[in-house]
Amino acid sequence: MAAAPSFDRDRLRQLMEVESERFCAAHPHSLALHERAAARMPLGVPMPWMLAWPGPCPVYVQTAAGALVTDADGNDSIAVRHIMRLTLGFDHRIIDGADAGKFMAELKKTLENWDGDIG
């Protein structure tokens, strides 16, 4: 068995610092809103999972219209996609696995190439 690859943790830390500085420069209003929230909420976030945010602060949304989300700093950088979670099961006493596989492949192809409005 091959050994797991190693990472240069000092280099990763350096890259994170550079990215955090860049992020803070591009998102001063989001940073200010986060600091304001930190003074009012335990640990600065309303939900514990938000502590795992990979940077100095989350992006605070100012407006959203369709697929365009504008943050508090005026950046239009987040595109929202429609996602449909779909779970299908087959009773293999009734349908053969090969036929079920063909159906799933065709369904996947149809959904990935959808050109109609489902809204």
Protein backbone atom coordinates (compact mmCIF):
# COMPACT_ATOMS: atom_id res chain seq x y z
CA MET A 1 0.00 0.00 0.00
CA ALA A 2 1.36 3.41 -0.97
CA ALA A 3 2.05 5.92 1.76
CA ALA A 4 -0.30 8.88 2.02
CA PRO A 5 1.11 12.02 0.41
CA SER A 6 2.61 14.54 2.76
CA PHE A 7 1.93 18.27 2.69
CA ASP A 8 4.20 21.17 3.42
CA ARG A 9 2.19 22.58 6.32
CA ASP A 10 4.33 25.72 6.53
CA ARG A 11 3.60 26.45 2.86
CA LEU A 12 -0.12 25.83 3.41
CA ARG A 13 -0.10 28.19 6.40
CA GLN A 14 1.70 30.83 4.31
CA LEU A 15 -0.80 30.49 1.45
CA MET A 16 -3.71 30.77 3.90
CA GLU A 17 -2.24 33.97 5.36
CA VAL A 18 -1.83 35.49 1.88
CA GLU A 19 -5.37 34.51 0.91
CA SER A 20 -6.79 35.86 4.19
CA GLU A 21 -5.07 39.21 3.61
CA ARG A 22 -6.42 39.33 0.04
CA PHE A 23 -9.90 38.41 1.24
CA CYS A 24 -9.89 41.09 3.96
CA ALA A 25 -8.77 43.72 1.45
CA ALA A 26 -11.57 42.75 -0.95
CA HIS A 27 -14.27 42.38 1.75
CA PRO A 28 -13.84 45.16 4.33
CA HIS A 29 -17.60 45.51 4.93
CA SER A 30 -18.06 41.78 5.46
CA LEU A 31 -15.15 41.84 7.89
CA ALA A 32 -16.67 44.80 9.78
CA LEU A 33 -20.06 43.07 9.94
CA HIS A 34 -18.40 39.92 11.26
CA GLU A 35 -16.55 41.87 13.95
CA ARG A 36 -19.83 43.56 14.90
CA ALA A 37 -21.53 40.15 15.11
CA ALA A 38 -18.69 38.79 17.25
CA ALA A 39 -19.48 41.40 19.90
CA ARG A 40 -23.10 40.22 20.12
CA MET A 41 -23.05 36.44 19.54
CA PRO A 42 -21.11 33.74 21.36
CA LEU A 43 -18.02 33.04 19.23
CA GLY A 44 -19.36 35.52 16.64
CA VAL A 45 -21.65 33.12 14.81
CA PRO A 46 -25.28 32.04 15.29
CA MET A 47 -24.57 28.34 14.64
CA PRO A 48 -21.53 26.27 15.71
CA TRP A 49 -20.92 24.80 12.21
CA MET A 50 -20.09 28.33 11.05
CA LEU A 51 -16.89 28.20 13.12
CA ALA A 52 -15.42 25.99 10.39
CA TRP A 53 -15.51 28.86 7.87
CA PRO A 54 -12.18 28.65 5.97
CA GLY A 55 -11.11 32.25 6.35
CA PRO A 56 -11.30 35.36 8.51
CA CYS A 57 -15.07 35.77 8.07
CA PRO A 58 -18.01 34.70 5.94
CA VAL A 59 -19.21 36.74 2.99
CA TYR A 60 -22.24 38.79 4.01
CA VAL A 61 -24.95 38.95 1.34
CA GLN A 62 -26.48 42.33 0.56
CA THR A 63 -28.89 41.38 -2.25
CA ALA A 64 -29.85 38.40 -4.36
CA ALA A 65 -31.68 38.40 -7.68
CA GLY A 66 -32.01 35.22 -9.68
CA ALA A 67 -28.58 33.64 -9.92
CA LEU A 68 -26.74 36.84 -8.94
CA VAL A 69 -25.74 37.38 -5.32
CA THR A 70 -24.10 40.66 -4.33
CA ASP A 71 -22.14 40.77 -1.10
CA ALA A 72 -21.92 43.67 1.35
CA ASP A 73 -18.84 44.92 -0.49
CA GLY A 74 -20.56 45.06 -3.89
CA ASN A 75 -18.87 41.94 -5.28
CA ASP A 76 -21.02 39.88 -7.67
CA SER A 77 -19.09 36.69 -7.21
CA ILE A 78 -21.45 33.92 -6.20
CA ALA A 79 -23.63 32.12 -8.73
CA VAL A 80 -26.41 29.98 -7.31
CA ARG A 81 -27.34 26.78 -9.12
CA HIS A 82 -30.55 24.84 -8.95
CA ILE A 83 -29.92 21.49 -7.34
CA MET A 84 -32.32 18.61 -7.22
CA ARG A 85 -31.62 15.74 -4.87
CA LEU A 86 -33.06 12.54 -6.26
CA THR A 87 -32.98 9.08 -4.77
CA LEU A 88 -34.25 6.10 -6.75
CA GLY A 89 -34.38 2.51 -5.71
CA PHE A 90 -35.21 -0.64 -7.63
CA ASP A 91 -36.74 -3.88 -6.45
CA HIS A 92 -34.37 -6.36 -8.07
CA ARG A 93 -36.98 -9.10 -7.73
CA ILE A 94 -38.95 -7.18 -10.39
CA ILE A 95 -36.37 -5.32 -12.51
CA ASP A 96 -33.02 -6.63 -13.67
CA GLY A 97 -29.95 -4.69 -12.52
CA ALA A 98 -28.76 -4.15 -16.10
CA ASP A 99 -32.09 -2.59 -17.09
CA ALA A 100 -32.05 -0.40 -13.98
CA GLY A 101 -28.51 0.70 -14.85
CA LYS A 102 -29.54 1.62 -18.40
CA PHE A 103 -32.48 3.59 -17.07
CA MET A 104 -30.27 5.46 -14.59
CA ALA A 105 -27.70 6.28 -17.29
CA GLU A 106 -30.44 7.66 -19.56
CA LEU A 107 -32.03 9.64 -16.71
CA LYS A 108 -28.62 11.10 -15.77
CA LYS A 109 -27.95 12.11 -19.40
CA THR A 110 -31.41 13.69 -19.69
CA LEU A 111 -31.06 15.70 -16.49
CA GLU A 112 -27.50 16.86 -17.26
CA ASN A 113 -28.58 18.12 -20.69
CA TRP A 114 -31.90 19.62 -19.62
CA ASP A 115 -32.81 22.66 -21.68
CA GLY A 116 -36.34 23.32 -20.43
CA ASP A 117 -37.58 25.55 -17.64
CA ILE A 118 -38.54 23.55 -14.56
CA GLY A 119 -39.46 26.60 -12.49
